[in-house]
């Protein structure tokens, strides 16, 4: 039974999980947008202390790699890499899609979606435990047209939609993810700053 620390800073919420033996500590803040860099280390320290776990005692470290908030993802991934490299331990990267998918009990095809604003969504399709639609950026109309059950962790209005509690999903997803020596952020599309820069170049600014 592995002991580990995991964080999710990919959205407006923050989740920190510390597991030692049979004890699992989850600290979850539902809305802390733009505050991840300020509160993350304090939440990690509190979770580790409550679990009776130290960084050196972790078998590995894990982070949700996206998609979601560009800044939030970088903060979580960089922090967890720092812990892993300092302790000489393995890493686990879990996508926000897998966070949900590992907690869906279905053998039928389904879609996991994450709100990307402006009536668009990051999406990934699964069937029998396999990815059948790679991570992509879809309009709400396109998501609805696919006709498959839809899962997520936000309050969305799709038909046949099931909302899961994101704080309860991280444990199973991390425990089932493979170990790695490195992890990288998952960006399904470019940041707004990059898109604006390209648009400026096209008009000669």
N, C-alpha and C. Protein backbone atom coordinates (compact mmCIF):
# COMPACT_ATOMS: atom_id res chain seq x y z
N UNK A 1 0.85 -1.19 0.00
CA UNK A 1 0.00 0.00 0.00
C UNK A 1 0.89 1.24 0.00
N UNK A 2 0.80 2.03 -1.05
CA UNK A 2 1.71 3.17 -1.23
C UNK A 2 1.26 4.38 -0.42
N UNK A 3 2.26 5.13 0.05
CA UNK A 3 2.02 6.42 0.70
C UNK A 3 2.38 7.52 -0.29
N UNK A 4 1.53 8.57 -0.40
CA UNK A 4 1.80 9.57 -1.42
C UNK A 4 1.15 10.90 -1.11
N UNK A 5 1.61 11.92 -1.83
CA UNK A 5 1.01 13.25 -1.80
C UNK A 5 0.54 13.58 -3.21
N UNK A 6 -0.68 14.12 -3.33
CA UNK A 6 -1.22 14.49 -4.64
C UNK A 6 -1.89 15.85 -4.55
N UNK A 7 -1.79 16.63 -5.62
CA UNK A 7 -2.44 17.95 -5.65
C UNK A 7 -3.18 18.13 -6.97
N UNK A 8 -4.25 18.92 -6.89
CA UNK A 8 -5.00 19.32 -8.09
C UNK A 8 -5.22 20.82 -8.02
N UNK A 9 -4.53 21.54 -8.89
CA UNK A 9 -4.67 23.00 -8.99
C UNK A 9 -5.12 23.40 -10.39
N UNK A 10 -5.77 22.47 -11.09
CA UNK A 10 -6.07 22.68 -12.50
C UNK A 10 -7.29 23.56 -12.76
N UNK A 11 -8.05 23.86 -11.72
CA UNK A 11 -9.26 24.66 -11.92
C UNK A 11 -9.37 25.70 -10.81
N UNK A 12 -10.57 26.26 -10.64
CA UNK A 12 -10.74 27.30 -9.63
C UNK A 12 -10.69 26.75 -8.20
N UNK A 13 -10.79 25.44 -8.06
CA UNK A 13 -10.71 24.81 -6.75
C UNK A 13 -9.27 24.36 -6.46
N UNK A 14 -9.05 23.86 -5.26
CA UNK A 14 -7.76 23.28 -4.87
C UNK A 14 -8.02 22.02 -4.07
N UNK A 15 -7.36 20.93 -4.45
CA UNK A 15 -7.44 19.69 -3.69
C UNK A 15 -6.03 19.21 -3.37
N UNK A 16 -5.81 18.86 -2.11
CA UNK A 16 -4.54 18.26 -1.68
C UNK A 16 -4.88 16.97 -0.95
N UNK A 17 -4.22 15.89 -1.34
CA UNK A 17 -4.46 14.59 -0.72
C UNK A 17 -3.14 14.03 -0.20
N UNK A 18 -3.14 13.61 1.06
CA UNK A 18 -1.99 12.92 1.64
C UNK A 18 -2.46 11.56 2.15
N UNK A 19 -1.79 10.50 1.75
CA UNK A 19 -2.20 9.15 2.14
C UNK A 19 -1.03 8.42 2.79
N UNK A 20 -1.27 7.92 3.97
CA UNK A 20 -0.29 7.10 4.68
C UNK A 20 -1.00 5.89 5.26
N UNK A 21 -0.64 4.73 4.72
CA UNK A 21 -1.29 3.50 5.17
C UNK A 21 -2.78 3.55 4.90
N UNK A 22 -3.58 3.29 5.93
CA UNK A 22 -5.02 3.31 5.78
C UNK A 22 -5.61 4.70 5.97
N UNK A 23 -4.78 5.68 6.28
CA UNK A 23 -5.29 7.03 6.55
C UNK A 23 -5.17 7.91 5.32
N UNK A 24 -6.28 8.51 4.92
CA UNK A 24 -6.31 9.42 3.79
C UNK A 24 -6.83 10.78 4.24
N UNK A 25 -6.06 11.82 3.99
CA UNK A 25 -6.45 13.18 4.34
C UNK A 25 -6.67 13.96 3.06
N UNK A 26 -7.85 14.54 2.90
CA UNK A 26 -8.16 15.37 1.73
C UNK A 26 -8.53 16.77 2.20
N UNK A 27 -7.80 17.75 1.70
CA UNK A 27 -8.11 19.14 1.98
C UNK A 27 -8.58 19.76 0.66
N UNK A 28 -9.80 20.31 0.68
CA UNK A 28 -10.40 20.80 -0.56
C UNK A 28 -11.00 22.19 -0.32
N UNK A 29 -10.63 23.13 -1.19
CA UNK A 29 -11.20 24.47 -1.17
C UNK A 29 -11.95 24.64 -2.48
N UNK A 30 -13.24 24.89 -2.40
CA UNK A 30 -14.09 24.87 -3.58
C UNK A 30 -13.87 26.00 -4.56
N UNK A 31 -13.47 27.16 -4.09
CA UNK A 31 -13.28 28.29 -5.00
C UNK A 31 -12.15 29.17 -4.47
N UNK A 32 -10.99 29.01 -5.09
CA UNK A 32 -9.82 29.81 -4.69
C UNK A 32 -9.06 30.27 -5.93
N UNK A 33 -9.80 30.61 -6.98
CA UNK A 33 -9.19 31.03 -8.24
C UNK A 33 -8.18 32.13 -8.01
N UNK A 34 -7.04 32.01 -8.66
CA UNK A 34 -5.95 32.98 -8.61
C UNK A 34 -5.23 33.00 -7.26
N UNK A 35 -5.52 32.04 -6.38
CA UNK A 35 -4.88 32.00 -5.07
C UNK A 35 -4.03 30.75 -4.85
N UNK A 36 -3.91 29.91 -5.87
CA UNK A 36 -3.20 28.65 -5.69
C UNK A 36 -1.76 28.85 -5.19
N UNK A 37 -1.07 29.81 -5.76
CA UNK A 37 0.33 30.02 -5.39
C UNK A 37 0.47 30.51 -3.95
N UNK A 38 -0.59 31.12 -3.43
CA UNK A 38 -0.55 31.67 -2.08
C UNK A 38 -0.84 30.60 -1.03
N UNK A 39 -1.79 29.72 -1.31
CA UNK A 39 -2.27 28.80 -0.28
C UNK A 39 -1.82 27.35 -0.45
N UNK A 40 -1.24 27.00 -1.59
CA UNK A 40 -0.93 25.59 -1.84
C UNK A 40 0.02 25.00 -0.80
N UNK A 41 1.14 25.65 -0.54
CA UNK A 41 2.12 25.07 0.37
C UNK A 41 1.55 24.92 1.78
N UNK A 42 0.74 25.86 2.22
CA UNK A 42 0.12 25.74 3.53
C UNK A 42 -0.82 24.56 3.61
N UNK A 43 -1.59 24.32 2.54
CA UNK A 43 -2.51 23.19 2.51
C UNK A 43 -1.74 21.86 2.45
N UNK A 44 -0.63 21.84 1.72
CA UNK A 44 0.20 20.64 1.68
C UNK A 44 0.77 20.33 3.06
N UNK A 45 1.30 21.35 3.72
CA UNK A 45 1.86 21.16 5.05
C UNK A 45 0.81 20.63 6.02
N UNK A 46 -0.39 21.19 5.97
CA UNK A 46 -1.45 20.75 6.86
C UNK A 46 -1.88 19.31 6.58
N UNK A 47 -1.99 18.95 5.29
CA UNK A 47 -2.40 17.60 4.93
C UNK A 47 -1.35 16.57 5.36
N UNK A 48 -0.08 16.88 5.13
CA UNK A 48 0.99 15.97 5.52
C UNK A 48 1.01 15.78 7.04
N UNK A 49 0.87 16.87 7.76
CA UNK A 49 0.89 16.79 9.22
C UNK A 49 -0.27 15.96 9.75
N UNK A 50 -1.46 16.18 9.20
CA UNK A 50 -2.62 15.44 9.66
C UNK A 50 -2.51 13.95 9.35
N UNK A 51 -1.88 13.62 8.23
CA UNK A 51 -1.71 12.22 7.84
C UNK A 51 -0.54 11.55 8.55
N UNK A 52 0.31 12.35 9.20
CA UNK A 52 1.51 11.80 9.82
C UNK A 52 2.53 11.36 8.79
N UNK A 53 2.60 12.12 7.70
CA UNK A 53 3.45 11.77 6.57
C UNK A 53 4.48 12.87 6.32
N UNK A 54 5.67 12.49 5.89
CA UNK A 54 6.71 13.44 5.50
C UNK A 54 7.00 13.26 4.02
N UNK A 55 7.57 14.26 3.36
CA UNK A 55 7.93 14.09 1.95
C UNK A 55 8.86 12.90 1.71
N UNK A 56 9.81 12.69 2.59
CA UNK A 56 10.71 11.55 2.43
C UNK A 56 9.99 10.22 2.59
N UNK A 57 8.86 10.23 3.29
CA UNK A 57 8.11 9.00 3.50
C UNK A 57 7.16 8.67 2.37
N UNK A 58 7.02 9.56 1.40
CA UNK A 58 6.15 9.31 0.26
C UNK A 58 6.81 8.35 -0.73
N UNK A 59 6.02 7.43 -1.26
CA UNK A 59 6.52 6.53 -2.30
C UNK A 59 6.53 7.22 -3.66
N UNK A 60 5.64 8.18 -3.84
CA UNK A 60 5.60 8.97 -5.06
C UNK A 60 4.79 10.23 -4.82
N UNK A 61 4.83 11.13 -5.81
CA UNK A 61 4.08 12.39 -5.75
C UNK A 61 3.27 12.52 -7.03
N UNK A 62 2.08 13.11 -6.93
CA UNK A 62 1.19 13.18 -8.09
C UNK A 62 0.57 14.56 -8.24
N UNK A 63 0.27 14.91 -9.49
CA UNK A 63 -0.40 16.18 -9.78
C UNK A 63 -1.36 15.98 -10.94
N UNK A 64 -2.47 16.72 -10.91
CA UNK A 64 -3.36 16.76 -12.06
C UNK A 64 -2.75 17.70 -13.08
N UNK A 65 -2.57 17.21 -14.30
CA UNK A 65 -1.77 17.92 -15.31
C UNK A 65 -2.59 18.76 -16.28
N UNK A 66 -3.92 18.79 -16.12
CA UNK A 66 -4.75 19.58 -16.99
C UNK A 66 -5.68 18.70 -17.82
N UNK A 67 -6.45 19.33 -18.69
CA UNK A 67 -6.47 20.76 -19.01
C UNK A 67 -7.21 21.57 -17.96
N UNK A 68 -7.12 22.89 -18.11
CA UNK A 68 -7.78 23.78 -17.18
C UNK A 68 -7.07 25.12 -17.14
N UNK A 69 -6.89 25.64 -15.95
CA UNK A 69 -6.21 26.92 -15.78
C UNK A 69 -4.73 26.79 -16.12
N UNK A 70 -4.24 27.55 -17.08
CA UNK A 70 -2.84 27.44 -17.49
C UNK A 70 -1.92 27.72 -16.31
N UNK A 71 -2.18 28.79 -15.57
CA UNK A 71 -1.34 29.15 -14.44
C UNK A 71 -1.46 28.13 -13.31
N UNK A 72 -2.69 27.73 -13.01
CA UNK A 72 -2.90 26.76 -11.94
C UNK A 72 -2.19 25.45 -12.21
N UNK A 73 -2.27 24.96 -13.43
CA UNK A 73 -1.61 23.70 -13.80
C UNK A 73 -0.11 23.80 -13.57
N UNK A 74 0.48 24.88 -14.02
CA UNK A 74 1.94 25.05 -13.88
C UNK A 74 2.35 25.07 -12.41
N UNK A 75 1.54 25.72 -11.58
CA UNK A 75 1.86 25.79 -10.15
C UNK A 75 1.86 24.39 -9.53
N UNK A 76 0.82 23.62 -9.80
CA UNK A 76 0.73 22.28 -9.22
C UNK A 76 1.80 21.34 -9.71
N UNK A 77 2.03 21.32 -11.02
CA UNK A 77 3.03 20.42 -11.60
C UNK A 77 4.42 20.78 -11.11
N UNK A 78 4.76 22.06 -11.09
CA UNK A 78 6.09 22.49 -10.65
C UNK A 78 6.32 22.16 -9.18
N UNK A 79 5.30 22.35 -8.36
CA UNK A 79 5.43 22.07 -6.93
C UNK A 79 5.67 20.59 -6.68
N UNK A 80 4.89 19.75 -7.34
CA UNK A 80 5.03 18.30 -7.14
C UNK A 80 6.35 17.80 -7.71
N UNK A 81 6.79 18.34 -8.82
CA UNK A 81 8.10 17.97 -9.35
C UNK A 81 9.20 18.32 -8.35
N UNK A 82 9.09 19.48 -7.73
CA UNK A 82 10.08 19.88 -6.74
C UNK A 82 10.17 18.89 -5.59
N UNK A 83 9.02 18.47 -5.07
CA UNK A 83 9.01 17.47 -4.00
C UNK A 83 9.64 16.16 -4.46
N UNK A 84 9.25 15.68 -5.64
CA UNK A 84 9.73 14.39 -6.14
C UNK A 84 11.23 14.40 -6.39
N UNK A 85 11.73 15.45 -7.03
CA UNK A 85 13.15 15.52 -7.33
C UNK A 85 13.98 15.64 -6.06
N UNK A 86 13.48 16.41 -5.09
CA UNK A 86 14.22 16.58 -3.83
C UNK A 86 14.28 15.27 -3.04
N UNK A 87 13.21 14.50 -3.11
CA UNK A 87 13.15 13.24 -2.35
C UNK A 87 13.63 12.04 -3.16
N UNK A 88 13.89 12.25 -4.46
CA UNK A 88 14.34 11.16 -5.31
C UNK A 88 13.26 10.11 -5.53
N UNK A 89 12.02 10.55 -5.67
CA UNK A 89 10.90 9.61 -5.81
C UNK A 89 10.22 9.75 -7.18
N UNK A 90 9.38 8.79 -7.51
CA UNK A 90 8.65 8.79 -8.77
C UNK A 90 7.52 9.82 -8.76
N UNK A 91 7.01 10.07 -9.96
CA UNK A 91 5.90 10.99 -10.16
C UNK A 91 4.71 10.25 -10.79
N UNK A 92 3.53 10.84 -10.63
CA UNK A 92 2.35 10.39 -11.36
C UNK A 92 1.63 11.62 -11.88
N UNK A 93 1.31 11.62 -13.16
CA UNK A 93 0.51 12.67 -13.75
C UNK A 93 -0.87 12.13 -14.08
N UNK A 94 -1.90 12.82 -13.65
CA UNK A 94 -3.28 12.42 -13.90
C UNK A 94 -3.98 13.58 -14.60
N UNK A 95 -4.60 13.31 -15.74
CA UNK A 95 -5.33 14.38 -16.42
C UNK A 95 -6.64 14.65 -15.69
N UNK A 96 -7.18 15.84 -15.90
CA UNK A 96 -8.49 16.15 -15.32
C UNK A 96 -9.56 15.24 -15.90
N UNK A 97 -9.36 14.75 -17.12
CA UNK A 97 -10.30 13.80 -17.72
C UNK A 97 -10.26 12.47 -16.97
N UNK A 98 -9.05 11.97 -16.73
CA UNK A 98 -8.91 10.70 -16.02
C UNK A 98 -9.42 10.79 -14.59
N UNK A 99 -9.30 11.97 -14.01
CA UNK A 99 -9.81 12.19 -12.65
C UNK A 99 -11.27 11.77 -12.57
N UNK A 100 -12.03 12.13 -13.59
CA UNK A 100 -13.44 11.76 -13.65
C UNK A 100 -13.61 10.32 -14.15
N UNK A 101 -12.91 9.98 -15.22
CA UNK A 101 -13.13 8.69 -15.88
C UNK A 101 -12.85 7.49 -14.97
N UNK A 102 -11.83 7.59 -14.14
CA UNK A 102 -11.53 6.48 -13.23
C UNK A 102 -12.66 6.25 -12.22
N UNK A 103 -13.55 7.22 -12.09
CA UNK A 103 -14.63 7.12 -11.12
C UNK A 103 -16.00 6.91 -11.76
N UNK A 104 -16.02 6.65 -13.06
CA UNK A 104 -17.27 6.34 -13.77
C UNK A 104 -17.36 4.83 -13.94
N UNK A 105 -18.41 4.25 -13.42
CA UNK A 105 -18.61 2.80 -13.50
C UNK A 105 -19.51 2.48 -14.68
N UNK A 106 -18.91 2.43 -15.87
CA UNK A 106 -19.70 2.17 -17.08
C UNK A 106 -18.82 1.51 -18.14
N UNK A 107 -19.37 0.53 -18.83
CA UNK A 107 -18.66 -0.10 -19.94
C UNK A 107 -19.11 0.50 -21.27
N UNK A 108 -20.11 1.37 -21.25
CA UNK A 108 -20.60 2.03 -22.46
C UNK A 108 -19.79 3.29 -22.73
N UNK A 109 -19.73 3.75 -23.97
CA UNK A 109 -19.00 4.99 -24.29
C UNK A 109 -19.55 6.18 -23.52
N UNK A 110 -18.65 7.05 -23.09
CA UNK A 110 -19.07 8.28 -22.42
C UNK A 110 -18.04 9.37 -22.67
N UNK A 111 -18.44 10.58 -22.39
CA UNK A 111 -17.61 11.76 -22.63
C UNK A 111 -17.38 12.48 -21.30
N UNK A 112 -16.13 12.89 -21.07
CA UNK A 112 -15.81 13.74 -19.93
C UNK A 112 -15.57 15.15 -20.46
N UNK A 113 -16.20 16.15 -19.86
CA UNK A 113 -16.05 17.52 -20.34
C UNK A 113 -15.65 18.46 -19.19
N UNK A 114 -14.89 19.48 -19.56
CA UNK A 114 -14.45 20.51 -18.63
C UNK A 114 -14.73 21.86 -19.27
N UNK A 115 -15.37 22.73 -18.56
CA UNK A 115 -15.74 24.03 -19.10
C UNK A 115 -14.50 24.83 -19.50
N UNK A 116 -14.45 25.24 -20.76
CA UNK A 116 -13.32 26.03 -21.26
C UNK A 116 -13.73 27.47 -21.55
N UNK A 117 -14.94 27.84 -21.09
CA UNK A 117 -15.49 29.20 -21.24
C UNK A 117 -15.94 29.45 -22.68
N UNK A 118 -16.73 30.50 -22.86
CA UNK A 118 -17.23 30.93 -24.17
C UNK A 118 -17.99 29.82 -24.90
N UNK A 119 -18.77 29.03 -24.12
CA UNK A 119 -19.61 27.98 -24.68
C UNK A 119 -18.80 26.89 -25.39
N UNK A 120 -17.58 26.67 -24.92
CA UNK A 120 -16.73 25.59 -25.42
C UNK A 120 -16.22 24.75 -24.25
N UNK A 121 -15.78 23.53 -24.61
CA UNK A 121 -15.39 22.57 -23.57
C UNK A 121 -14.16 21.79 -24.01
N UNK A 122 -13.32 21.46 -23.02
CA UNK A 122 -12.30 20.45 -23.23
C UNK A 122 -13.02 19.11 -23.06
N UNK A 123 -12.75 18.17 -23.95
CA UNK A 123 -13.48 16.90 -23.92
C UNK A 123 -12.56 15.73 -24.20
N UNK A 124 -12.95 14.58 -23.67
CA UNK A 124 -12.22 13.34 -23.94
C UNK A 124 -13.22 12.20 -23.83
N UNK A 125 -13.19 11.27 -24.81
CA UNK A 125 -14.14 10.18 -24.83
C UNK A 125 -13.53 8.86 -24.40
N UNK A 126 -14.32 8.07 -23.67
CA UNK A 126 -13.85 6.78 -23.15
C UNK A 126 -14.85 5.68 -23.50
N UNK A 127 -14.33 4.46 -23.61
CA UNK A 127 -15.17 3.28 -23.78
C UNK A 127 -14.41 2.07 -23.26
N UNK A 128 -15.02 1.34 -22.35
CA UNK A 128 -14.41 0.14 -21.77
C UNK A 128 -13.01 0.41 -21.23
N UNK A 129 -12.83 1.56 -20.60
CA UNK A 129 -11.57 1.89 -19.98
C UNK A 129 -10.50 2.43 -20.91
N UNK A 130 -10.84 2.62 -22.17
CA UNK A 130 -9.88 3.12 -23.15
C UNK A 130 -10.32 4.47 -23.69
N UNK A 131 -9.34 5.30 -24.06
CA UNK A 131 -9.64 6.59 -24.67
C UNK A 131 -10.01 6.35 -26.13
N UNK A 132 -11.22 6.76 -26.53
CA UNK A 132 -11.67 6.59 -27.91
C UNK A 132 -11.79 7.93 -28.63
N UNK A 133 -11.80 9.02 -27.88
CA UNK A 133 -11.76 10.36 -28.45
C UNK A 133 -10.68 11.12 -27.70
N UNK A 134 -9.52 11.34 -28.33
CA UNK A 134 -8.42 12.02 -27.64
C UNK A 134 -8.83 13.42 -27.18
N UNK A 135 -8.13 13.97 -26.20
CA UNK A 135 -8.45 15.30 -25.70
C UNK A 135 -8.61 16.31 -26.83
N UNK A 136 -9.70 17.08 -26.77
CA UNK A 136 -10.00 18.03 -27.84
C UNK A 136 -10.78 19.21 -27.28
N UNK A 137 -11.03 20.18 -28.13
CA UNK A 137 -11.71 21.43 -27.77
C UNK A 137 -12.98 21.50 -28.60
N UNK A 138 -14.16 21.39 -27.95
CA UNK A 138 -15.41 21.27 -28.68
C UNK A 138 -16.39 22.36 -28.26
N UNK A 139 -17.26 22.72 -29.18
CA UNK A 139 -18.35 23.64 -28.86
C UNK A 139 -19.42 22.88 -28.08
N UNK A 140 -20.27 23.61 -27.38
CA UNK A 140 -21.37 22.98 -26.66
C UNK A 140 -22.29 22.23 -27.63
N UNK A 141 -22.49 22.80 -28.82
CA UNK A 141 -23.33 22.16 -29.83
C UNK A 141 -22.75 20.82 -30.24
N UNK A 142 -21.44 20.75 -30.41
CA UNK A 142 -20.79 19.51 -30.82
C UNK A 142 -20.89 18.47 -29.71
N UNK A 143 -20.67 18.88 -28.48
CA UNK A 143 -20.78 17.95 -27.35
C UNK A 143 -22.18 17.33 -27.33
N UNK A 144 -23.20 18.17 -27.46
CA UNK A 144 -24.58 17.70 -27.42
C UNK A 144 -24.88 16.75 -28.59
N UNK A 145 -24.28 17.02 -29.74
CA UNK A 145 -24.57 16.22 -30.93
C UNK A 145 -24.01 14.81 -30.87
N UNK A 146 -23.02 14.58 -30.02
CA UNK A 146 -22.39 13.25 -29.94
C UNK A 146 -23.33 12.22 -29.34
N UNK A 147 -24.28 12.65 -28.52
CA UNK A 147 -25.33 11.75 -28.03
C UNK A 147 -24.89 10.73 -27.00
N UNK A 148 -23.74 10.90 -26.39
CA UNK A 148 -23.27 9.96 -25.37
C UNK A 148 -23.47 10.54 -23.98
N UNK A 149 -23.51 9.71 -22.95
CA UNK A 149 -23.55 10.23 -21.59
C UNK A 149 -22.35 11.14 -21.33
N UNK A 150 -22.58 12.21 -20.58
CA UNK A 150 -21.54 13.20 -20.32
C UNK A 150 -21.31 13.29 -18.82
N UNK A 151 -20.03 13.32 -18.43
CA UNK A 151 -19.66 13.42 -17.03
C UNK A 151 -18.72 14.61 -16.83
N UNK A 152 -18.76 15.18 -15.63
CA UNK A 152 -17.88 16.28 -15.29
C UNK A 152 -17.99 16.61 -13.82
N UNK A 153 -17.38 17.72 -13.41
CA UNK A 153 -17.43 18.11 -12.00
C UNK A 153 -17.99 19.52 -11.81
N UNK A 154 -18.59 20.05 -12.88
CA UNK A 154 -19.17 21.39 -12.81
C UNK A 154 -20.69 21.31 -13.03
N UNK A 155 -21.35 22.42 -12.79
CA UNK A 155 -22.80 22.48 -12.96
C UNK A 155 -23.10 22.81 -14.43
N UNK A 156 -23.29 21.78 -15.25
CA UNK A 156 -23.49 21.95 -16.68
C UNK A 156 -24.90 21.50 -17.07
N UNK A 157 -25.36 21.96 -18.23
CA UNK A 157 -26.76 21.78 -18.61
C UNK A 157 -26.98 20.75 -19.72
N UNK A 158 -26.01 19.90 -19.97
CA UNK A 158 -26.19 18.90 -21.02
C UNK A 158 -27.20 17.84 -20.60
N UNK A 159 -27.93 17.31 -21.59
CA UNK A 159 -28.79 16.18 -21.32
C UNK A 159 -27.92 14.97 -21.00
N UNK A 160 -28.45 14.06 -20.19
CA UNK A 160 -27.73 12.85 -19.81
C UNK A 160 -26.38 13.18 -19.18
N UNK A 161 -26.38 14.23 -18.36
CA UNK A 161 -25.15 14.68 -17.71
C UNK A 161 -25.12 14.26 -16.24
N UNK A 162 -23.97 13.78 -15.79
CA UNK A 162 -23.77 13.39 -14.40
C UNK A 162 -22.61 14.17 -13.81
N UNK A 163 -22.88 14.85 -12.70
CA UNK A 163 -21.84 15.62 -12.03
C UNK A 163 -21.25 14.81 -10.88
N UNK A 164 -19.92 14.69 -10.84
CA UNK A 164 -19.23 14.02 -9.76
C UNK A 164 -18.58 15.05 -8.84
N UNK A 165 -18.36 14.68 -7.60
CA UNK A 165 -17.67 15.56 -6.64
C UNK A 165 -16.18 15.41 -6.84
N UNK A 166 -15.53 16.44 -7.35
CA UNK A 166 -14.13 16.34 -7.75
C UNK A 166 -13.23 15.97 -6.57
N UNK A 167 -13.55 16.44 -5.37
CA UNK A 167 -12.70 16.14 -4.22
C UNK A 167 -12.66 14.64 -3.92
N UNK A 168 -13.70 13.92 -4.33
CA UNK A 168 -13.78 12.50 -4.05
C UNK A 168 -13.18 11.63 -5.15
N UNK A 169 -12.71 12.27 -6.22
CA UNK A 169 -12.25 11.51 -7.39
C UNK A 169 -10.73 11.31 -7.42
N UNK A 170 -9.99 12.12 -6.71
CA UNK A 170 -8.54 12.13 -6.89
C UNK A 170 -7.88 10.85 -6.39
N UNK A 171 -8.37 10.26 -5.30
CA UNK A 171 -7.72 9.09 -4.73
C UNK A 171 -7.67 7.93 -5.71
N UNK A 172 -8.81 7.53 -6.25
CA UNK A 172 -8.86 6.38 -7.15
C UNK A 172 -8.07 6.65 -8.42
N UNK A 173 -8.15 7.87 -8.94
CA UNK A 173 -7.44 8.20 -10.17
C UNK A 173 -5.93 8.11 -9.98
N UNK A 174 -5.43 8.67 -8.90
CA UNK A 174 -3.99 8.65 -8.65
C UNK A 174 -3.50 7.23 -8.40
N UNK A 175 -4.23 6.48 -7.62
CA UNK A 175 -3.78 5.12 -7.30
C UNK A 175 -3.72 4.24 -8.55
N UNK A 176 -4.55 4.51 -9.54
CA UNK A 176 -4.56 3.69 -10.76
C UNK A 176 -3.64 4.20 -11.86
N UNK A 177 -3.11 5.40 -11.71
CA UNK A 177 -2.23 5.97 -12.75
C UNK A 177 -0.85 5.34 -12.69
N UNK A 178 -0.17 5.26 -13.83
CA UNK A 178 1.18 4.70 -13.85
C UNK A 178 2.21 5.68 -13.32
N UNK A 179 3.29 5.15 -12.77
CA UNK A 179 4.39 5.98 -12.30
C UNK A 179 5.25 6.43 -13.47
N UNK A 180 5.97 7.52 -13.26
CA UNK A 180 6.83 8.07 -14.31
C UNK A 180 7.99 8.79 -13.64
N UNK A 181 9.03 9.06 -14.42
CA UNK A 181 10.14 9.85 -13.91
C UNK A 181 9.91 11.33 -14.16
N UNK A 182 8.92 11.67 -14.98
CA UNK A 182 8.63 13.07 -15.27
C UNK A 182 7.16 13.20 -15.67
N UNK A 183 6.60 14.37 -15.47
CA UNK A 183 5.23 14.65 -15.90
C UNK A 183 5.20 16.02 -16.57
N UNK A 184 4.23 16.22 -17.43
CA UNK A 184 4.13 17.47 -18.18
C UNK A 184 2.68 17.95 -18.20
N UNK A 185 2.52 19.24 -18.26
CA UNK A 185 1.19 19.83 -18.32
C UNK A 185 0.50 19.44 -19.62
N UNK A 186 -0.81 19.22 -19.55
CA UNK A 186 -1.62 18.92 -20.73
C UNK A 186 -2.37 20.18 -21.13
N UNK A 187 -2.02 20.72 -22.27
CA UNK A 187 -2.71 21.90 -22.81
C UNK A 187 -3.42 21.47 -24.09
N UNK A 188 -4.74 21.43 -24.06
CA UNK A 188 -5.51 21.02 -25.23
C UNK A 188 -5.51 22.12 -26.28
N UNK A 189 -5.45 23.36 -25.85
CA UNK A 189 -5.30 24.48 -26.79
C UNK A 189 -4.33 25.49 -26.19
N UNK A 190 -3.94 26.45 -27.01
CA UNK A 190 -2.98 27.45 -26.54
C UNK A 190 -3.65 28.45 -25.60
N UNK A 191 -2.82 29.11 -24.79
CA UNK A 191 -3.35 30.11 -23.87
C UNK A 191 -3.90 31.30 -24.63
N UNK A 192 -4.73 32.10 -23.96
CA UNK A 192 -5.30 33.30 -24.57
C UNK A 192 -4.20 34.27 -25.00
N UNK A 193 -3.13 34.35 -24.19
CA UNK A 193 -2.03 35.25 -24.52
C UNK A 193 -1.35 34.84 -25.83
N UNK A 194 -1.16 33.52 -26.02
CA UNK A 194 -0.54 33.04 -27.26
C UNK A 194 -1.44 33.30 -28.46
N UNK A 195 -2.74 33.07 -28.30
CA UNK A 195 -3.65 33.30 -29.41
C UNK A 195 -3.73 34.78 -29.77
N UNK A 196 -3.70 35.64 -28.76
CA UNK A 196 -3.72 37.08 -29.01
C UNK A 196 -2.46 37.53 -29.72
N UNK A 197 -1.32 36.97 -29.33
CA UNK A 197 -0.05 37.31 -29.97
C UNK A 197 -0.08 36.94 -31.45
N UNK A 198 -0.58 35.76 -31.77
CA UNK A 198 -0.68 35.35 -33.17
C UNK A 198 -1.62 36.27 -33.94
N UNK A 199 -2.73 36.63 -33.35
CA UNK A 199 -3.69 37.52 -34.02
C UNK A 199 -3.05 38.88 -34.27
N UNK A 200 -2.27 39.38 -33.32
CA UNK A 200 -1.59 40.66 -33.50
C UNK A 200 -0.59 40.61 -34.64
N UNK A 201 0.11 39.48 -34.75
CA UNK A 201 1.10 39.34 -35.82
C UNK A 201 0.43 39.36 -37.19
N UNK A 202 -0.75 38.75 -37.26
CA UNK A 202 -1.45 38.68 -38.55
C UNK A 202 -1.90 40.04 -39.04
N UNK A 203 -2.16 40.95 -38.11
CA UNK A 203 -2.59 42.29 -38.53
C UNK A 203 -1.45 43.29 -38.45
N UNK A 204 -0.25 42.78 -38.22
CA UNK A 204 0.93 43.64 -38.28
C UNK A 204 1.19 44.48 -37.07
N UNK A 205 0.69 44.09 -35.92
CA UNK A 205 0.93 44.87 -34.69
C UNK A 205 2.28 44.48 -34.10
